[in-house]
Amino acid sequence: MLELHASKKAMVERVTRWLAEEPTTPPIERACEILGISTRTLQRVLAAAGTSYRELSLRAKRSRLADAVLGSNDKLDSIAASLGFTSGSSMSTTFKRVFGESPSEYRERFRSQPAG
């Protein structure tokens, strides 16, 4: 039982790492191709681990959004293009839905906090 739990956890970590390295969120079929397993197997393993490809993808996308906005002084249109959004406006709408504030407000809030 412990071995099965470890393999589920390892698969979640593997998918999470792979998604973090991708500039955009690929479809599950691409992940399965890279991992060398069937779509159904990946879905089953992730479900057994209490998550899903969609959930892991959303976490990765959220992390990419935050990192891109905080880690760059580029204009939002440029950041949006690098993340695969069709426009800065589209990215801003998604960002506000995910974080509850605009990318500019988010930048200002985090950059105005003292280091430490």
N, C-alpha and C. Protein backbone atom coordinates (compact mmCIF):
# COMPACT_ATOMS: atom_id res chain seq x y z
N MET A 1 0.83 -1.20 0.00
CA MET A 1 0.00 0.00 0.00
C MET A 1 0.87 1.27 0.00
N LEU A 2 1.93 1.24 0.79
CA LEU A 2 2.83 2.39 0.85
C LEU A 2 3.48 2.64 -0.50
N GLU A 3 3.84 1.56 -1.22
CA GLU A 3 4.45 1.69 -2.53
C GLU A 3 3.49 2.33 -3.53
N LEU A 4 2.21 1.94 -3.48
CA LEU A 4 1.20 2.52 -4.37
C LEU A 4 1.03 4.00 -4.09
N HIS A 5 0.99 4.37 -2.79
CA HIS A 5 0.88 5.77 -2.42
C HIS A 5 2.08 6.56 -2.93
N ALA A 6 3.27 5.98 -2.80
CA ALA A 6 4.48 6.65 -3.26
C ALA A 6 4.46 6.85 -4.77
N SER A 7 3.96 5.87 -5.51
CA SER A 7 3.93 6.00 -6.97
C SER A 7 2.90 7.05 -7.40
N LYS A 8 1.78 7.16 -6.69
CA LYS A 8 0.79 8.20 -6.99
C LYS A 8 1.40 9.57 -6.73
N LYS A 9 2.05 9.69 -5.59
CA LYS A 9 2.67 10.96 -5.23
C LYS A 9 3.76 11.32 -6.24
N ALA A 10 4.54 10.34 -6.66
CA ALA A 10 5.59 10.58 -7.65
C ALA A 10 5.00 11.05 -8.97
N MET A 11 3.88 10.47 -9.38
CA MET A 11 3.24 10.87 -10.64
C MET A 11 2.73 12.31 -10.54
N VAL A 12 2.12 12.65 -9.42
CA VAL A 12 1.64 14.02 -9.22
C VAL A 12 2.82 14.99 -9.30
N GLU A 13 3.92 14.66 -8.63
CA GLU A 13 5.10 15.52 -8.66
C GLU A 13 5.69 15.63 -10.06
N ARG A 14 5.70 14.53 -10.78
CA ARG A 14 6.23 14.52 -12.14
C ARG A 14 5.40 15.40 -13.07
N VAL A 15 4.09 15.26 -13.00
CA VAL A 15 3.20 16.08 -13.83
C VAL A 15 3.32 17.55 -13.43
N THR A 16 3.37 17.82 -12.14
CA THR A 16 3.49 19.19 -11.64
C THR A 16 4.77 19.84 -12.14
N ARG A 17 5.88 19.12 -12.06
CA ARG A 17 7.17 19.66 -12.55
C ARG A 17 7.12 19.91 -14.04
N TRP A 18 6.55 18.96 -14.80
CA TRP A 18 6.48 19.11 -16.24
C TRP A 18 5.63 20.32 -16.62
N LEU A 19 4.47 20.47 -15.96
CA LEU A 19 3.60 21.61 -16.25
C LEU A 19 4.29 22.93 -15.92
N ALA A 20 5.07 22.95 -14.85
CA ALA A 20 5.77 24.18 -14.45
C ALA A 20 6.80 24.60 -15.49
N GLU A 21 7.35 23.63 -16.22
CA GLU A 21 8.37 23.93 -17.23
C GLU A 21 7.77 24.37 -18.56
N GLU A 22 6.50 24.11 -18.77
CA GLU A 22 5.85 24.45 -20.03
C GLU A 22 5.40 25.92 -20.02
N PRO A 23 5.60 26.64 -21.12
CA PRO A 23 5.20 28.05 -21.16
C PRO A 23 3.67 28.23 -21.20
N THR A 24 2.98 27.24 -21.72
CA THR A 24 1.51 27.26 -21.73
C THR A 24 1.04 25.89 -21.24
N THR A 25 -0.25 25.74 -21.04
CA THR A 25 -0.77 24.48 -20.54
C THR A 25 -1.14 23.55 -21.69
N PRO A 26 -0.37 22.50 -21.89
CA PRO A 26 -0.67 21.56 -22.97
C PRO A 26 -1.87 20.68 -22.61
N PRO A 27 -2.52 20.11 -23.62
CA PRO A 27 -3.63 19.20 -23.33
C PRO A 27 -3.12 17.93 -22.65
N ILE A 28 -4.00 17.25 -21.96
CA ILE A 28 -3.65 16.04 -21.23
C ILE A 28 -3.02 14.99 -22.15
N GLU A 29 -3.47 14.95 -23.39
CA GLU A 29 -2.92 13.96 -24.33
C GLU A 29 -1.42 14.17 -24.54
N ARG A 30 -0.99 15.42 -24.56
CA ARG A 30 0.44 15.73 -24.72
C ARG A 30 1.21 15.29 -23.48
N ALA A 31 0.64 15.53 -22.31
CA ALA A 31 1.29 15.10 -21.07
C ALA A 31 1.46 13.58 -21.07
N CYS A 32 0.43 12.87 -21.50
CA CYS A 32 0.49 11.40 -21.52
C CYS A 32 1.53 10.91 -22.52
N GLU A 33 1.63 11.58 -23.64
CA GLU A 33 2.63 11.23 -24.64
C GLU A 33 4.04 11.37 -24.04
N ILE A 34 4.28 12.47 -23.36
CA ILE A 34 5.58 12.73 -22.73
C ILE A 34 5.85 11.71 -21.62
N LEU A 35 4.83 11.39 -20.83
CA LEU A 35 4.97 10.48 -19.70
C LEU A 35 4.97 9.02 -20.12
N GLY A 36 4.52 8.75 -21.33
CA GLY A 36 4.49 7.38 -21.82
C GLY A 36 3.38 6.52 -21.21
N ILE A 37 2.26 7.15 -20.89
CA ILE A 37 1.12 6.41 -20.34
C ILE A 37 -0.16 6.84 -21.04
N SER A 38 -1.21 6.06 -20.86
CA SER A 38 -2.48 6.41 -21.49
C SER A 38 -3.18 7.52 -20.70
N THR A 39 -4.07 8.21 -21.39
CA THR A 39 -4.84 9.28 -20.75
C THR A 39 -5.63 8.74 -19.57
N ARG A 40 -6.28 7.60 -19.78
CA ARG A 40 -7.10 7.01 -18.72
C ARG A 40 -6.25 6.64 -17.50
N THR A 41 -5.05 6.11 -17.74
CA THR A 41 -4.17 5.75 -16.62
C THR A 41 -3.78 6.99 -15.83
N LEU A 42 -3.41 8.05 -16.53
CA LEU A 42 -3.05 9.29 -15.82
C LEU A 42 -4.23 9.82 -15.03
N GLN A 43 -5.40 9.84 -15.64
CA GLN A 43 -6.59 10.32 -14.94
C GLN A 43 -6.86 9.48 -13.69
N ARG A 44 -6.73 8.18 -13.82
CA ARG A 44 -6.98 7.27 -12.70
C ARG A 44 -5.97 7.49 -11.57
N VAL A 45 -4.70 7.60 -11.92
CA VAL A 45 -3.65 7.80 -10.90
C VAL A 45 -3.84 9.13 -10.19
N LEU A 46 -4.10 10.18 -10.95
CA LEU A 46 -4.30 11.49 -10.33
C LEU A 46 -5.54 11.51 -9.45
N ALA A 47 -6.62 10.88 -9.91
CA ALA A 47 -7.85 10.81 -9.10
C ALA A 47 -7.57 10.05 -7.80
N ALA A 48 -6.82 8.98 -7.88
CA ALA A 48 -6.48 8.22 -6.68
C ALA A 48 -5.63 9.04 -5.71
N ALA A 49 -4.89 10.00 -6.26
CA ALA A 49 -4.07 10.89 -5.43
C ALA A 49 -4.86 12.11 -4.96
N GLY A 50 -6.15 12.19 -5.37
CA GLY A 50 -7.00 13.28 -4.91
C GLY A 50 -6.90 14.55 -5.73
N THR A 51 -6.46 14.43 -6.97
CA THR A 51 -6.35 15.61 -7.81
C THR A 51 -6.72 15.24 -9.25
N SER A 52 -6.49 16.15 -10.15
CA SER A 52 -6.79 15.93 -11.56
C SER A 52 -5.80 16.71 -12.41
N TYR A 53 -5.73 16.37 -13.69
CA TYR A 53 -4.87 17.12 -14.60
C TYR A 53 -5.31 18.57 -14.66
N ARG A 54 -6.61 18.76 -14.68
CA ARG A 54 -7.15 20.13 -14.72
C ARG A 54 -6.70 20.93 -13.50
N GLU A 55 -6.78 20.34 -12.33
CA GLU A 55 -6.36 21.02 -11.10
C GLU A 55 -4.87 21.35 -11.13
N LEU A 56 -4.06 20.39 -11.54
CA LEU A 56 -2.61 20.64 -11.62
C LEU A 56 -2.30 21.70 -12.66
N SER A 57 -3.03 21.68 -13.77
CA SER A 57 -2.85 22.69 -14.82
C SER A 57 -3.20 24.08 -14.32
N LEU A 58 -4.30 24.18 -13.58
CA LEU A 58 -4.71 25.48 -13.04
C LEU A 58 -3.69 26.02 -12.06
N ARG A 59 -3.14 25.15 -11.22
CA ARG A 59 -2.10 25.58 -10.27
C ARG A 59 -0.86 26.08 -11.01
N ALA A 60 -0.47 25.35 -12.05
CA ALA A 60 0.70 25.75 -12.83
C ALA A 60 0.46 27.09 -13.53
N LYS A 61 -0.74 27.24 -14.09
CA LYS A 61 -1.07 28.49 -14.78
C LYS A 61 -1.07 29.66 -13.80
N ARG A 62 -1.62 29.44 -12.62
CA ARG A 62 -1.66 30.48 -11.59
C ARG A 62 -0.24 30.88 -11.19
N SER A 63 0.61 29.89 -11.03
CA SER A 63 2.00 30.16 -10.67
C SER A 63 2.73 30.92 -11.78
N ARG A 64 2.51 30.51 -13.04
CA ARG A 64 3.14 31.22 -14.17
C ARG A 64 2.67 32.66 -14.23
N LEU A 65 1.38 32.88 -14.01
CA LEU A 65 0.83 34.24 -14.04
C LEU A 65 1.51 35.11 -12.99
N ALA A 66 1.52 34.63 -11.76
CA ALA A 66 2.11 35.40 -10.67
C ALA A 66 3.59 35.66 -10.90
N ASP A 67 4.31 34.63 -11.29
CA ASP A 67 5.75 34.78 -11.53
C ASP A 67 6.03 35.78 -12.65
N ALA A 68 5.24 35.70 -13.72
CA ALA A 68 5.46 36.59 -14.87
C ALA A 68 5.18 38.04 -14.51
N VAL A 69 4.13 38.26 -13.76
CA VAL A 69 3.76 39.64 -13.40
C VAL A 69 4.76 40.22 -12.40
N LEU A 70 5.17 39.42 -11.43
CA LEU A 70 6.11 39.94 -10.42
C LEU A 70 7.55 39.94 -10.90
N GLY A 71 7.89 39.02 -11.79
CA GLY A 71 9.27 38.86 -12.19
C GLY A 71 9.69 39.66 -13.40
N SER A 72 8.81 40.54 -13.86
CA SER A 72 9.11 41.29 -15.07
C SER A 72 8.58 42.71 -14.97
N ASN A 73 9.28 43.62 -15.61
CA ASN A 73 8.78 44.98 -15.73
C ASN A 73 8.15 45.22 -17.10
N ASP A 74 8.05 44.14 -17.88
CA ASP A 74 7.47 44.25 -19.22
C ASP A 74 6.01 44.69 -19.14
N LYS A 75 5.55 45.25 -20.25
CA LYS A 75 4.14 45.63 -20.34
C LYS A 75 3.29 44.37 -20.34
N LEU A 76 2.04 44.52 -19.90
CA LEU A 76 1.15 43.37 -19.79
C LEU A 76 0.91 42.67 -21.12
N ASP A 77 0.86 43.42 -22.22
CA ASP A 77 0.67 42.79 -23.53
C ASP A 77 1.82 41.83 -23.84
N SER A 78 3.01 42.22 -23.49
CA SER A 78 4.18 41.38 -23.74
C SER A 78 4.15 40.13 -22.86
N ILE A 79 3.81 40.30 -21.61
CA ILE A 79 3.70 39.16 -20.68
C ILE A 79 2.59 38.23 -21.17
N ALA A 80 1.46 38.80 -21.55
CA ALA A 80 0.32 38.01 -22.02
C ALA A 80 0.71 37.15 -23.22
N ALA A 81 1.41 37.74 -24.17
CA ALA A 81 1.84 37.00 -25.36
C ALA A 81 2.76 35.84 -24.99
N SER A 82 3.67 36.09 -24.05
CA SER A 82 4.61 35.03 -23.65
C SER A 82 3.90 33.88 -22.95
N LEU A 83 2.75 34.14 -22.37
CA LEU A 83 1.98 33.10 -21.66
C LEU A 83 0.90 32.47 -22.53
N GLY A 84 0.79 32.94 -23.77
CA GLY A 84 -0.18 32.34 -24.67
C GLY A 84 -1.55 32.98 -24.68
N PHE A 85 -1.69 34.13 -24.03
CA PHE A 85 -2.97 34.85 -24.05
C PHE A 85 -3.07 35.62 -25.37
N THR A 86 -4.29 35.87 -25.80
CA THR A 86 -4.49 36.60 -27.05
C THR A 86 -4.25 38.09 -26.90
N SER A 87 -4.35 38.60 -25.67
CA SER A 87 -4.13 40.04 -25.44
C SER A 87 -3.85 40.29 -23.96
N GLY A 88 -3.37 41.48 -23.68
CA GLY A 88 -3.17 41.90 -22.29
C GLY A 88 -4.48 41.96 -21.54
N SER A 89 -5.52 42.37 -22.25
CA SER A 89 -6.85 42.46 -21.65
C SER A 89 -7.36 41.08 -21.22
N SER A 90 -7.15 40.11 -22.08
CA SER A 90 -7.56 38.74 -21.77
C SER A 90 -6.81 38.22 -20.54
N MET A 91 -5.50 38.48 -20.50
CA MET A 91 -4.72 38.04 -19.35
C MET A 91 -5.17 38.77 -18.08
N SER A 92 -5.42 40.06 -18.19
CA SER A 92 -5.85 40.84 -17.03
C SER A 92 -7.17 40.33 -16.46
N THR A 93 -8.09 39.97 -17.35
CA THR A 93 -9.38 39.43 -16.91
C THR A 93 -9.17 38.12 -16.16
N THR A 94 -8.36 37.25 -16.72
CA THR A 94 -8.06 35.97 -16.06
C THR A 94 -7.36 36.21 -14.74
N PHE A 95 -6.38 37.10 -14.75
CA PHE A 95 -5.62 37.40 -13.54
C PHE A 95 -6.55 37.90 -12.43
N LYS A 96 -7.43 38.81 -12.76
CA LYS A 96 -8.34 39.37 -11.77
C LYS A 96 -9.27 38.29 -11.22
N ARG A 97 -9.72 37.39 -12.09
CA ARG A 97 -10.59 36.30 -11.65
C ARG A 97 -9.83 35.37 -10.68
N VAL A 98 -8.58 35.10 -10.99
CA VAL A 98 -7.79 34.16 -10.19
C VAL A 98 -7.30 34.78 -8.87
N PHE A 99 -6.82 36.02 -8.94
CA PHE A 99 -6.18 36.65 -7.78
C PHE A 99 -7.03 37.70 -7.08
N GLY A 100 -8.14 38.10 -7.71
CA GLY A 100 -9.01 39.09 -7.08
C GLY A 100 -8.54 40.53 -7.21
N GLU A 101 -7.54 40.75 -8.02
CA GLU A 101 -7.04 42.10 -8.27
C GLU A 101 -6.34 42.13 -9.62
N SER A 102 -6.16 43.31 -10.15
CA SER A 102 -5.51 43.43 -11.46
C SER A 102 -4.02 43.12 -11.34
N PRO A 103 -3.38 42.78 -12.46
CA PRO A 103 -1.93 42.55 -12.42
C PRO A 103 -1.16 43.76 -11.88
N SER A 104 -1.59 44.97 -12.24
CA SER A 104 -0.92 46.18 -11.75
C SER A 104 -1.06 46.31 -10.24
N GLU A 105 -2.25 46.06 -9.72
CA GLU A 105 -2.46 46.12 -8.27
C GLU A 105 -1.63 45.06 -7.55
N TYR A 106 -1.57 43.88 -8.14
CA TYR A 106 -0.79 42.77 -7.57
C TYR A 106 0.69 43.14 -7.51
N ARG A 107 1.21 43.66 -8.60
CA ARG A 107 2.61 44.10 -8.64
C ARG A 107 2.88 45.13 -7.56
N GLU A 108 2.02 46.13 -7.52
CA GLU A 108 2.20 47.22 -6.56
C GLU A 108 2.18 46.70 -5.12
N ARG A 109 1.23 45.83 -4.83
CA ARG A 109 1.10 45.30 -3.47
C ARG A 109 2.34 44.51 -3.06
N PHE A 110 2.84 43.64 -3.93
CA PHE A 110 3.99 42.82 -3.57
C PHE A 110 5.30 43.57 -3.62
N ARG A 111 5.40 44.51 -4.53
CA ARG A 111 6.66 45.25 -4.63
C ARG A 111 6.79 46.33 -3.56
N SER A 112 5.68 46.72 -2.96
CA SER A 112 5.74 47.75 -1.92
C SER A 112 5.97 47.13 -0.53
N GLN A 113 5.91 45.81 -0.43
CA GLN A 113 6.15 45.16 0.85
C GLN A 113 7.63 45.13 1.14
N PRO A 114 7.99 45.36 2.40
CA PRO A 114 9.41 45.32 2.74
C PRO A 114 9.94 43.89 2.61
N ALA A 115 11.18 43.77 2.19
CA ALA A 115 11.82 42.45 2.08
C ALA A 115 11.99 41.87 3.46
N GLY A 116 11.87 40.55 3.50
CA GLY A 116 12.17 40.02 4.81
C GLY A 116 11.52 38.81 5.15
